[in-house]
């Protein structure tokens, strides 16, 4: 079992963004947990061209997702999805380790 599961919708969206910028072959999506927000922890998503020995790599087709060891402890079993509806659009993180979340959905406590 990988640390994070990437849905087909999320994988396709990441692939499209990286391909648009000509970085599909060189960059990965980094998912990180950092301190902050009302509940104490928040997610950080960004593209990164560096993978270190402290990183865990998950592949979904052409897309690579990278999670550092510290963040992996908070993200085990997480699902990364992408939604695009009339009501909402963006990446959605379903984390079974989140014990509390803030009202705005931007931070969590574990």
PDB file of N, CA and C in Angstrom:
ATOM      1  N   UNK A   1       0.854  -1.194   0.000  1.00  0.00           N
ATOM      2  CA  UNK A   1       0.000   0.000   0.000  1.00  0.00           C
ATOM      3  C   UNK A   1       0.889   1.244   0.000  1.00  0.00           C
ATOM      4  N   UNK A   2       0.604   2.162  -0.891  1.00  0.00           N
ATOM      5  CA  UNK A   2       1.382   3.399  -0.935  1.00  0.00           C
ATOM      6  C   UNK A   2       0.866   4.376   0.122  1.00  0.00           C
ATOM      7  N   UNK A   3       1.683   5.339   0.440  1.00  0.00           N
ATOM      8  CA  UNK A   3       1.329   6.328   1.461  1.00  0.00           C
ATOM      9  C   UNK A   3       0.090   7.112   1.037  1.00  0.00           C
ATOM     10  N   UNK A   4       0.090   7.554  -0.222  1.00  0.00           N
ATOM     11  CA  UNK A   4      -1.009   8.355  -0.756  1.00  0.00           C
ATOM     12  C   UNK A   4      -1.515   7.699  -2.032  1.00  0.00           C
ATOM     13  N   UNK A   5      -2.823   7.600  -2.153  1.00  0.00           N
ATOM     14  CA  UNK A   5      -3.438   7.121  -3.388  1.00  0.00           C
ATOM     15  C   UNK A   5      -3.829   8.344  -4.214  1.00  0.00           C
ATOM     16  N   UNK A   6      -3.545   8.303  -5.486  1.00  0.00           N
ATOM     17  CA  UNK A   6      -3.892   9.395  -6.396  1.00  0.00           C
ATOM     18  C   UNK A   6      -5.012   8.901  -7.300  1.00  0.00           C
ATOM     19  N   UNK A   7      -6.149   9.584  -7.282  1.00  0.00           N
ATOM     20  CA  UNK A   7      -7.254   9.163  -8.139  1.00  0.00           C
ATOM     21  C   UNK A   7      -6.922   9.479  -9.596  1.00  0.00           C
ATOM     22  N   UNK A   8      -7.607   8.823 -10.528  1.00  0.00           N
ATOM     23  CA  UNK A   8      -7.380   9.136 -11.939  1.00  0.00           C
ATOM     24  C   UNK A   8      -7.626  10.617 -12.271  1.00  0.00           C
ATOM     25  N   UNK A   9      -8.630  11.221 -11.651  1.00  0.00           N
ATOM     26  CA  UNK A   9      -8.917  12.640 -11.908  1.00  0.00           C
ATOM     27  C   UNK A   9      -7.764  13.528 -11.451  1.00  0.00           C
ATOM     28  N   UNK A  10      -7.197  13.238 -10.277  1.00  0.00           N
ATOM     29  CA  UNK A  10      -6.070  14.023  -9.769  1.00  0.00           C
ATOM     30  C   UNK A  10      -4.838  13.804 -10.632  1.00  0.00           C
ATOM     31  N   UNK A  11      -4.594  12.572 -11.009  1.00  0.00           N
ATOM     32  CA  UNK A  11      -3.439  12.253 -11.847  1.00  0.00           C
ATOM     33  C   UNK A  11      -3.520  12.987 -13.182  1.00  0.00           C
ATOM     34  N   UNK A  12      -4.691  12.983 -13.776  1.00  0.00           N
ATOM     35  CA  UNK A  12      -4.874  13.660 -15.069  1.00  0.00           C
ATOM     36  C   UNK A  12      -4.675  15.166 -14.940  1.00  0.00           C
ATOM     37  N   UNK A  13      -5.167  15.750 -13.859  1.00  0.00           N
ATOM     38  CA  UNK A  13      -5.018  17.196 -13.669  1.00  0.00           C
ATOM     39  C   UNK A  13      -3.554  17.577 -13.464  1.00  0.00           C
ATOM     40  N   UNK A  14      -2.837  16.809 -12.652  1.00  0.00           N
ATOM     41  CA  UNK A  14      -1.411  17.060 -12.429  1.00  0.00           C
ATOM     42  C   UNK A  14      -0.652  16.911 -13.742  1.00  0.00           C
ATOM     43  N   UNK A  15      -0.963  15.836 -14.490  1.00  0.00           N
ATOM     44  CA  UNK A  15      -0.303  15.612 -15.776  1.00  0.00           C
ATOM     45  C   UNK A  15      -0.525  16.789 -16.718  1.00  0.00           C
ATOM     46  N   UNK A  16      -1.753  17.271 -16.785  1.00  0.00           N
ATOM     47  CA  UNK A  16      -2.076  18.393 -17.677  1.00  0.00           C
ATOM     48  C   UNK A  16      -1.319  19.661 -17.279  1.00  0.00           C
ATOM     49  N   UNK A  17      -1.239  19.929 -15.989  1.00  0.00           N
ATOM     50  CA  UNK A  17      -0.530  21.126 -15.522  1.00  0.00           C
ATOM     51  C   UNK A  17       0.969  21.040 -15.817  1.00  0.00           C
ATOM     52  N   UNK A  18       1.555  19.882 -15.555  1.00  0.00           N
ATOM     53  CA  UNK A  18       2.986  19.713 -15.818  1.00  0.00           C
ATOM     54  C   UNK A  18       3.286  19.734 -17.311  1.00  0.00           C
ATOM     55  N   UNK A  19       2.431  19.106 -18.082  1.00  0.00           N
ATOM     56  CA  UNK A  19       2.619  19.083 -19.536  1.00  0.00           C
ATOM     57  C   UNK A  19       2.501  20.491 -20.120  1.00  0.00           C
ATOM     58  N   UNK A  20       1.567  21.264 -19.621  1.00  0.00           N
ATOM     59  CA  UNK A  20       1.376  22.651 -20.086  1.00  0.00           C
ATOM     60  C   UNK A  20       2.649  23.475 -19.895  1.00  0.00           C
ATOM     61  N   UNK A  21       3.351  23.219 -18.792  1.00  0.00           N
ATOM     62  CA  UNK A  21       4.569  23.971 -18.490  1.00  0.00           C
ATOM     63  C   UNK A  21       5.837  23.283 -18.993  1.00  0.00           C
ATOM     64  N   UNK A  22       5.682  22.154 -19.701  1.00  0.00           N
ATOM     65  CA  UNK A  22       6.834  21.442 -20.226  1.00  0.00           C
ATOM     66  C   UNK A  22       7.689  20.793 -19.143  1.00  0.00           C
ATOM     67  N   UNK A  23       7.071  20.396 -18.024  1.00  0.00           N
ATOM     68  CA  UNK A  23       7.825  19.860 -16.893  1.00  0.00           C
ATOM     69  C   UNK A  23       7.419  18.438 -16.518  1.00  0.00           C
ATOM     70  N   UNK A  24       6.679  17.770 -17.370  1.00  0.00           N
ATOM     71  CA  UNK A  24       6.186  16.441 -17.036  1.00  0.00           C
ATOM     72  C   UNK A  24       7.318  15.460 -16.758  1.00  0.00           C
ATOM     73  N   UNK A  25       8.384  15.537 -17.520  1.00  0.00           N
ATOM     74  CA  UNK A  25       9.497  14.587 -17.359  1.00  0.00           C
ATOM     75  C   UNK A  25      10.430  14.945 -16.202  1.00  0.00           C
ATOM     76  N   UNK A  26      10.393  16.201 -15.744  1.00  0.00           N
ATOM     77  CA  UNK A  26      11.387  16.652 -14.769  1.00  0.00           C
ATOM     78  C   UNK A  26      10.845  16.951 -13.374  1.00  0.00           C
ATOM     79  N   UNK A  27       9.541  17.118 -13.227  1.00  0.00           N
ATOM     80  CA  UNK A  27       8.976  17.549 -11.945  1.00  0.00           C
ATOM     81  C   UNK A  27       7.961  16.541 -11.403  1.00  0.00           C
ATOM     82  N   UNK A  28       7.802  16.571 -10.096  1.00  0.00           N
ATOM     83  CA  UNK A  28       6.802  15.770  -9.396  1.00  0.00           C
ATOM     84  C   UNK A  28       5.927  16.710  -8.578  1.00  0.00           C
ATOM     85  N   UNK A  29       4.764  16.245  -8.214  1.00  0.00           N
ATOM     86  CA  UNK A  29       3.915  16.985  -7.284  1.00  0.00           C
ATOM     87  C   UNK A  29       4.357  16.623  -5.887  1.00  0.00           C
ATOM     88  N   UNK A  30       4.692  17.632  -5.082  1.00  0.00           N
ATOM     89  CA  UNK A  30       5.084  17.399  -3.695  1.00  0.00           C
ATOM     90  C   UNK A  30       3.898  17.723  -2.797  1.00  0.00           C
ATOM     91  N   UNK A  31       3.528  16.754  -1.955  1.00  0.00           N
ATOM     92  CA  UNK A  31       2.493  16.931  -0.940  1.00  0.00           C
ATOM     93  C   UNK A  31       3.196  16.927   0.404  1.00  0.00           C
ATOM     94  N   UNK A  32       2.989  17.995   1.154  1.00  0.00           N
ATOM     95  CA  UNK A  32       3.715  18.177   2.404  1.00  0.00           C
ATOM     96  C   UNK A  32       2.746  18.622   3.496  1.00  0.00           C
ATOM     97  N   UNK A  33       3.045  18.248   4.732  1.00  0.00           N
ATOM     98  CA  UNK A  33       2.291  18.724   5.882  1.00  0.00           C
ATOM     99  C   UNK A  33       3.183  19.705   6.627  1.00  0.00           C
ATOM    100  N   UNK A  34       2.655  20.908   6.862  1.00  0.00           N
ATOM    101  CA  UNK A  34       3.408  21.946   7.568  1.00  0.00           C
ATOM    102  C   UNK A  34       2.557  22.472   8.717  1.00  0.00           C
ATOM    103  N   UNK A  35       3.199  23.070   9.691  1.00  0.00           N
ATOM    104  CA  UNK A  35       2.487  23.670  10.810  1.00  0.00           C
ATOM    105  C   UNK A  35       1.751  24.918  10.358  1.00  0.00           C
ATOM    106  N   UNK A  36       0.568  25.148  10.933  1.00  0.00           N
ATOM    107  CA  UNK A  36      -0.177  26.359  10.624  1.00  0.00           C
ATOM    108  C   UNK A  36      -1.669  26.110  10.546  1.00  0.00           C
ATOM    109  N   UNK A  37      -2.412  27.161  10.297  1.00  0.00           N
ATOM    110  CA  UNK A  37      -3.861  27.062  10.206  1.00  0.00           C
ATOM    111  C   UNK A  37      -4.502  27.002  11.574  1.00  0.00           C
ATOM    112  N   UNK A  38      -5.813  27.048  11.606  1.00  0.00           N
ATOM    113  CA  UNK A  38      -6.544  27.062  12.877  1.00  0.00           C
ATOM    114  C   UNK A  38      -6.448  25.757  13.645  1.00  0.00           C
ATOM    115  N   UNK A  39      -6.260  24.634  12.937  1.00  0.00           N
ATOM    116  CA  UNK A  39      -6.231  23.333  13.605  1.00  0.00           C
ATOM    117  C   UNK A  39      -4.819  22.814  13.849  1.00  0.00           C
ATOM    118  N   UNK A  40      -3.800  23.567  13.454  1.00  0.00           N
ATOM    119  CA  UNK A  40      -2.429  23.195  13.776  1.00  0.00           C
ATOM    120  C   UNK A  40      -1.574  22.706  12.628  1.00  0.00           C
ATOM    121  N   UNK A  41      -2.168  22.028  11.645  1.00  0.00           N
ATOM    122  CA  UNK A  41      -1.413  21.501  10.511  1.00  0.00           C
ATOM    123  C   UNK A  41      -2.149  21.843   9.220  1.00  0.00           C
ATOM    124  N   UNK A  42      -1.395  22.019   8.162  1.00  0.00           N
ATOM    125  CA  UNK A  42      -2.036  22.257   6.875  1.00  0.00           C
ATOM    126  C   UNK A  42      -1.242  21.585   5.766  1.00  0.00           C
ATOM    127  N   UNK A  43      -1.916  21.382   4.648  1.00  0.00           N
ATOM    128  CA  UNK A  43      -1.307  20.740   3.495  1.00  0.00           C
ATOM    129  C   UNK A  43      -0.643  21.784   2.609  1.00  0.00           C
ATOM    130  N   UNK A  44       0.416  21.365   1.963  1.00  0.00           N
ATOM    131  CA  UNK A  44       1.100  22.225   1.011  1.00  0.00           C
ATOM    132  C   UNK A  44       1.333  21.394  -0.257  1.00  0.00           C
ATOM    133  N   UNK A  45       0.868  21.879  -1.388  1.00  0.00           N
ATOM    134  CA  UNK A  45       1.048  21.224  -2.680  1.00  0.00           C
ATOM    135  C   UNK A  45       1.884  22.122  -3.575  1.00  0.00           C
ATOM    136  N   UNK A  46       2.820  21.532  -4.292  1.00  0.00           N
ATOM    137  CA  UNK A  46       3.624  22.311  -5.225  1.00  0.00           C
ATOM    138  C   UNK A  46       4.445  21.375  -6.100  1.00  0.00           C
ATOM    139  N   UNK A  47       4.927  21.894  -7.206  1.00  0.00           N
ATOM    140  CA  UNK A  47       5.757  21.098  -8.101  1.00  0.00           C
ATOM    141  C   UNK A  47       7.218  21.232  -7.694  1.00  0.00           C
ATOM    142  N   UNK A  48       7.948  20.123  -7.770  1.00  0.00           N
ATOM    143  CA  UNK A  48       9.327  20.093  -7.303  1.00  0.00           C
ATOM    144  C   UNK A  48      10.152  19.239  -8.259  1.00  0.00           C
ATOM    145  N   UNK A  49      11.352  19.700  -8.566  1.00  0.00           N
ATOM    146  CA  UNK A  49      12.227  18.926  -9.440  1.00  0.00           C
ATOM    147  C   UNK A  49      13.296  18.165  -8.655  1.00  0.00           C
ATOM    148  N   UNK A  50      13.205  18.207  -7.321  1.00  0.00           N
ATOM    149  CA  UNK A  50      14.185  17.507  -6.480  1.00  0.00           C
ATOM    150  C   UNK A  50      13.514  16.397  -5.679  1.00  0.00           C
ATOM    151  N   UNK A  51      14.147  15.246  -5.673  1.00  0.00           N
ATOM    152  CA  UNK A  51      13.722  14.127  -4.845  1.00  0.00           C
ATOM    153  C   UNK A  51      14.932  13.730  -4.013  1.00  0.00           C
ATOM    154  N   UNK A  52      14.759  13.677  -2.685  1.00  0.00           N
ATOM    155  CA  UNK A  52      15.881  13.359  -1.799  1.00  0.00           C
ATOM    156  C   UNK A  52      15.728  11.958  -1.226  1.00  0.00           C
ATOM    157  N   UNK A  53      16.716  11.531  -0.472  1.00  0.00           N
ATOM    158  CA  UNK A  53      16.669  10.215   0.176  1.00  0.00           C
ATOM    159  C   UNK A  53      15.562  10.135   1.223  1.00  0.00           C
ATOM    160  N   UNK A  54      15.098  11.274   1.731  1.00  0.00           N
ATOM    161  CA  UNK A  54      14.030  11.313   2.734  1.00  0.00           C
ATOM    162  C   UNK A  54      12.643  11.376   2.113  1.00  0.00           C
ATOM    163  N   UNK A  55      12.554  11.200   0.800  1.00  0.00           N
ATOM    164  CA  UNK A  55      11.275  11.291   0.094  1.00  0.00           C
ATOM    165  C   UNK A  55      10.748   9.914  -0.277  1.00  0.00           C
ATOM    166  N   UNK A  56       9.445   9.805  -0.275  1.00  0.00           N
ATOM    167  CA  UNK A  56       8.733   8.618  -0.739  1.00  0.00           C
ATOM    168  C   UNK A  56       8.050   9.000  -2.042  1.00  0.00           C
ATOM    169  N   UNK A  57       8.219   8.194  -3.070  1.00  0.00           N
ATOM    170  CA  UNK A  57       7.666   8.515  -4.383  1.00  0.00           C
ATOM    171  C   UNK A  57       6.521   7.571  -4.714  1.00  0.00           C
ATOM    172  N   UNK A  58       5.413   8.148  -5.162  1.00  0.00           N
ATOM    173  CA  UNK A  58       4.241   7.396  -5.595  1.00  0.00           C
ATOM    174  C   UNK A  58       4.035   7.730  -7.065  1.00  0.00           C
ATOM    175  N   UNK A  59       3.783   6.718  -7.876  1.00  0.00           N
ATOM    176  CA  UNK A  59       3.545   6.935  -9.307  1.00  0.00           C
ATOM    177  C   UNK A  59       2.092   6.626  -9.648  1.00  0.00           C
ATOM    178  N   UNK A  60       1.546   7.450 -10.517  1.00  0.00           N
ATOM    179  CA  UNK A  60       0.208   7.233 -11.072  1.00  0.00           C
ATOM    180  C   UNK A  60       0.306   7.557 -12.559  1.00  0.00           C
ATOM    181  N   UNK A  61       0.576   6.534 -13.349  1.00  0.00           N
ATOM    182  CA  UNK A  61       0.799   6.758 -14.777  1.00  0.00           C
ATOM    183  C   UNK A  61       2.075   7.552 -14.975  1.00  0.00           C
ATOM    184  N   UNK A  62       1.983   8.660 -15.690  1.00  0.00           N
ATOM    185  CA  UNK A  62       3.143   9.513 -15.947  1.00  0.00           C
ATOM    186  C   UNK A  62       3.464  10.456 -14.792  1.00  0.00           C
ATOM    187  N   UNK A  63       2.577  10.511 -13.817  1.00  0.00           N
ATOM    188  CA  UNK A  63       2.682  11.483 -12.724  1.00  0.00           C
ATOM    189  C   UNK A  63       3.402  10.876 -11.525  1.00  0.00           C
ATOM    190  N   UNK A  64       4.294  11.686 -10.941  1.00  0.00           N
ATOM    191  CA  UNK A  64       4.980  11.293  -9.707  1.00  0.00           C
ATOM    192  C   UNK A  64       4.519  12.206  -8.581  1.00  0.00           C
ATOM    193  N   UNK A  65       4.251  11.614  -7.419  1.00  0.00           N
ATOM    194  CA  UNK A  65       3.914  12.363  -6.212  1.00  0.00           C
ATOM    195  C   UNK A  65       5.014  12.064  -5.207  1.00  0.00           C
ATOM    196  N   UNK A  66       5.512  13.102  -4.545  1.00  0.00           N
ATOM    197  CA  UNK A  66       6.601  12.961  -3.595  1.00  0.00           C
ATOM    198  C   UNK A  66       6.123  13.429  -2.218  1.00  0.00           C
ATOM    199  N   UNK A  67       6.425  12.608  -1.187  1.00  0.00           N
ATOM    200  CA  UNK A  67       6.067  12.920   0.197  1.00  0.00           C
ATOM    201  C   UNK A  67       7.300  12.684   1.053  1.00  0.00           C
ATOM    202  N   UNK A  68       7.717  13.686   1.828  1.00  0.00           N
ATOM    203  CA  UNK A  68       8.872  13.506   2.704  1.00  0.00           C
ATOM    204  C   UNK A  68       8.497  12.617   3.884  1.00  0.00           C
ATOM    205  N   UNK A  69       9.499  12.030   4.521  1.00  0.00           N
ATOM    206  CA  UNK A  69       9.260  11.087   5.622  1.00  0.00           C
ATOM    207  C   UNK A  69       8.451  11.694   6.763  1.00  0.00           C
ATOM    208  N   UNK A  70       8.732  12.936   7.127  1.00  0.00           N
ATOM    209  CA  UNK A  70       8.013  13.592   8.230  1.00  0.00           C
ATOM    210  C   UNK A  70       6.522  13.718   7.900  1.00  0.00           C
ATOM    211  N   UNK A  71       6.211  14.142   6.689  1.00  0.00           N
ATOM    212  CA  UNK A  71       4.811  14.290   6.271  1.00  0.00           C
ATOM    213  C   UNK A  71       4.124  12.941   6.125  1.00  0.00           C
ATOM    214  N   UNK A  72       4.882  11.922   5.736  1.00  0.00           N
ATOM    215  CA  UNK A  72       4.313  10.589   5.505  1.00  0.00           C
ATOM    216  C   UNK A  72       3.610  10.060   6.757  1.00  0.00           C
ATOM    217  N   UNK A  73       4.124  10.399   7.925  1.00  0.00           N
ATOM    218  CA  UNK A  73       3.505   9.946   9.176  1.00  0.00           C
ATOM    219  C   UNK A  73       2.076  10.476   9.313  1.00  0.00           C
ATOM    220  N   UNK A  74       1.801  11.650   8.773  1.00  0.00           N
ATOM    221  CA  UNK A  74       0.464  12.253   8.845  1.00  0.00           C
ATOM    222  C   UNK A  74      -0.417  11.866   7.668  1.00  0.00           C
ATOM    223  N   UNK A  75       0.183  11.342   6.593  1.00  0.00           N
ATOM    224  CA  UNK A  75      -0.550  11.128   5.351  1.00  0.00           C
ATOM    225  C   UNK A  75      -0.842   9.674   5.002  1.00  0.00           C
ATOM    226  N   UNK A  76      -0.411   8.723   5.806  1.00  0.00           N
ATOM    227  CA  UNK A  76      -0.621   7.304   5.491  1.00  0.00           C
ATOM    228  C   UNK A  76      -2.102   7.020   5.250  1.00  0.00           C
ATOM    229  N   UNK A  77      -2.411   6.455   4.087  1.00  0.00           N
ATOM    230  CA  UNK A  77      -3.789   6.121   3.752  1.00  0.00           C
ATOM    231  C   UNK A  77      -4.584   7.248   3.115  1.00  0.00           C
ATOM    232  N   UNK A  78      -3.946   8.363   2.839  1.00  0.00           N
ATOM    233  CA  UNK A  78      -4.623   9.538   2.271  1.00  0.00           C
ATOM    234  C   UNK A  78      -4.945   9.325   0.792  1.00  0.00           C
ATOM    235  N   UNK A  79      -6.051   9.915   0.345  1.00  0.00           N
ATOM    236  CA  UNK A  79      -6.442   9.894  -1.059  1.00  0.00           C
ATOM    237  C   UNK A  79      -6.405  11.326  -1.580  1.00  0.00           C
ATOM    238  N   UNK A  80      -5.672  11.538  -2.681  1.00  0.00           N
ATOM    239  CA  UNK A  80      -5.624  12.837  -3.347  1.00  0.00           C
ATOM    240  C   UNK A  80      -6.545  12.774  -4.551  1.00  0.00           C
ATOM    241  N   UNK A  81      -7.540  13.642  -4.582  1.00  0.00           N
ATOM    242  CA  UNK A  81      -8.530  13.664  -5.655  1.00  0.00           C
ATOM    243  C   UNK A  81      -8.570  15.057  -6.270  1.00  0.00           C
ATOM    244  N   UNK A  82      -9.216  15.169  -7.411  1.00  0.00           N
ATOM    245  CA  UNK A  82      -9.438  16.468  -8.043  1.00  0.00           C
ATOM    246  C   UNK A  82     -10.892  16.524  -8.462  1.00  0.00           C
ATOM    247  N   UNK A  83     -11.568  17.610  -8.096  1.00  0.00           N
ATOM    248  CA  UNK A  83     -12.964  17.801  -8.485  1.00  0.00           C
ATOM    249  C   UNK A  83     -13.104  19.085  -9.274  1.00  0.00           C
ATOM    250  N   UNK A  84     -14.045  19.074 -10.200  1.00  0.00           N
ATOM    251  CA  UNK A  84     -14.330  20.258 -11.015  1.00  0.00           C
ATOM    252  C   UNK A  84     -15.819  20.265 -11.310  1.00  0.00           C
ATOM    253  N   UNK A  85     -16.575  20.892 -10.412  1.00  0.00           N
ATOM    254  CA  UNK A  85     -18.026  20.958 -10.545  1.00  0.00           C
ATOM    255  C   UNK A  85     -18.464  22.417 -10.486  1.00  0.00           C
ATOM    256  N   UNK A  86     -19.744  22.650 -10.592  1.00  0.00           N
ATOM    257  CA  UNK A  86     -20.261  24.014 -10.462  1.00  0.00           C
ATOM    258  C   UNK A  86     -20.044  24.563  -9.058  1.00  0.00           C
ATOM    259  N   UNK A  87     -20.056  23.691  -8.057  1.00  0.00           N
ATOM    260  CA  UNK A  87     -19.922  24.118  -6.675  1.00  0.00           C
ATOM    261  C   UNK A  87     -18.474  24.285  -6.222  1.00  0.00           C
ATOM    262  N   UNK A  88     -17.565  23.477  -6.766  1.00  0.00           N
ATOM    263  CA  UNK A  88     -16.183  23.541  -6.310  1.00  0.00           C
ATOM    264  C   UNK A  88     -15.233  23.024  -7.382  1.00  0.00           C
ATOM    265  N   UNK A  89     -13.991  23.477  -7.275  1.00  0.00           N
ATOM    266  CA  UNK A  89     -12.956  23.038  -8.195  1.00  0.00           C
ATOM    267  C   UNK A  89     -11.622  23.051  -7.471  1.00  0.00           C
ATOM    268  N   UNK A  90     -10.890  21.958  -7.579  1.00  0.00           N
ATOM    269  CA  UNK A  90      -9.575  21.906  -6.969  1.00  0.00           C
ATOM    270  C   UNK A  90      -9.241  20.539  -6.432  1.00  0.00           C
ATOM    271  N   UNK A  91      -8.045  20.434  -5.871  1.00  0.00           N
ATOM    272  CA  UNK A  91      -7.591  19.186  -5.281  1.00  0.00           C
ATOM    273  C   UNK A  91      -8.265  18.996  -3.931  1.00  0.00           C
ATOM    274  N   UNK A  92      -8.669  17.759  -3.653  1.00  0.00           N
ATOM    275  CA  UNK A  92      -9.296  17.400  -2.383  1.00  0.00           C
ATOM    276  C   UNK A  92      -8.440  16.326  -1.728  1.00  0.00           C
ATOM    277  N   UNK A  93      -8.169  16.502  -0.457  1.00  0.00           N
ATOM    278  CA  UNK A  93      -7.348  15.554   0.280  1.00  0.00           C
ATOM    279  C   UNK A  93      -8.224  14.891   1.332  1.00  0.00           C
ATOM    280  N   UNK A  94      -8.365  13.578   1.221  1.00  0.00           N
ATOM    281  CA  UNK A  94      -9.150  12.792   2.172  1.00  0.00           C
ATOM    282  C   UNK A  94      -8.154  12.036   3.046  1.00  0.00           C
ATOM    283  N   UNK A  95      -7.971  12.540   4.258  1.00  0.00           N
ATOM    284  CA  UNK A  95      -6.942  12.013   5.152  1.00  0.00           C
ATOM    285  C   UNK A  95      -7.589  11.321   6.352  1.00  0.00           C
ATOM    286  N   UNK A  96      -7.441   9.986   6.459  1.00  0.00           N
ATOM    287  CA  UNK A  96      -8.044   9.276   7.583  1.00  0.00           C
ATOM    288  C   UNK A  96      -7.367   9.578   8.925  1.00  0.00           C
ATOM    289  N   UNK A  97      -6.209  10.231   8.895  1.00  0.00           N
ATOM    290  CA  UNK A  97      -5.479  10.560  10.123  1.00  0.00           C
ATOM    291  C   UNK A  97      -5.906  11.902  10.716  1.00  0.00           C
ATOM    292  N   UNK A  98      -6.689  12.672   9.989  1.00  0.00           N
ATOM    293  CA  UNK A  98      -7.140  13.983  10.471  1.00  0.00           C
ATOM    294  C   UNK A  98      -8.238  13.777  11.512  1.00  0.00           C
ATOM    295  N   UNK A  99      -7.928  14.106  12.753  1.00  0.00           N
ATOM    296  CA  UNK A  99      -8.900  13.937  13.850  1.00  0.00           C
ATOM    297  C   UNK A  99      -9.834  15.139  13.955  1.00  0.00           C
ATOM    298  N   UNK A 100      -9.318  16.318  13.617  1.00  0.00           N
ATOM    299  CA  UNK A 100     -10.133  17.532  13.627  1.00  0.00           C
ATOM    300  C   UNK A 100      -9.810  18.337  12.376  1.00  0.00           C
ATOM    301  N   UNK A 101     -10.760  19.125  11.923  1.00  0.00           N
ATOM    302  CA  UNK A 101     -10.529  20.041  10.802  1.00  0.00           C
ATOM    303  C   UNK A 101     -11.147  21.378  11.151  1.00  0.00           C
ATOM    304  N   UNK A 102     -10.651  22.419  10.526  1.00  0.00           N
ATOM    305  CA  UNK A 102     -11.222  23.738  10.780  1.00  0.00           C
ATOM    306  C   UNK A 102     -12.441  23.927   9.883  1.00  0.00           C
ATOM    307  N   UNK A 103     -13.217  24.944  10.164  1.00  0.00           N
ATOM    308  CA  UNK A 103     -14.437  25.204   9.415  1.00  0.00           C
ATOM    309  C   UNK A 103     -14.194  25.507   7.947  1.00  0.00           C
ATOM    310  N   UNK A 104     -13.073  26.119   7.639  1.00  0.00           N
ATOM    311  CA  UNK A 104     -12.792  26.461   6.236  1.00  0.00           C
ATOM    312  C   UNK A 104     -12.170  25.301   5.470  1.00  0.00           C
ATOM    313  N   UNK A 105     -11.779  24.224   6.171  1.00  0.00           N
ATOM    314  CA  UNK A 105     -11.224  23.056   5.514  1.00  0.00           C
ATOM    315  C   UNK A 105      -9.775  23.178   5.085  1.00  0.00           C
ATOM    316  N   UNK A 106      -9.083  24.217   5.514  1.00  0.00           N
ATOM    317  CA  UNK A 106      -7.714  24.429   5.102  1.00  0.00           C
ATOM    318  C   UNK A 106      -6.681  23.833   6.045  1.00  0.00           C
ATOM    319  N   UNK A 107      -7.086  23.411   7.242  1.00  0.00           N
ATOM    320  CA  UNK A 107      -6.121  22.844   8.174  1.00  0.00           C
ATOM    321  C   UNK A 107      -6.747  21.677   8.929  1.00  0.00           C
ATOM    322  N   UNK A 108      -5.906  20.916   9.606  1.00  0.00           N
ATOM    323  CA  UNK A 108      -6.367  19.751  10.334  1.00  0.00           C
ATOM    324  C   UNK A 108      -5.496  19.495  11.553  1.00  0.00           C
ATOM    325  N   UNK A 109      -6.011  18.684  12.443  1.00  0.00           N
ATOM    326  CA  UNK A 109      -5.252  18.240  13.609  1.00  0.00           C
ATOM    327  C   UNK A 109      -5.177  16.721  13.591  1.00  0.00           C
ATOM    328  N   UNK A 110      -4.058  16.186  14.036  1.00  0.00           N
ATOM    329  CA  UNK A 110      -3.899  14.716  14.018  1.00  0.00           C
ATOM    330  C   UNK A 110      -3.663  14.186  15.417  1.00  0.00           C
TER     331      UNK A 110
END
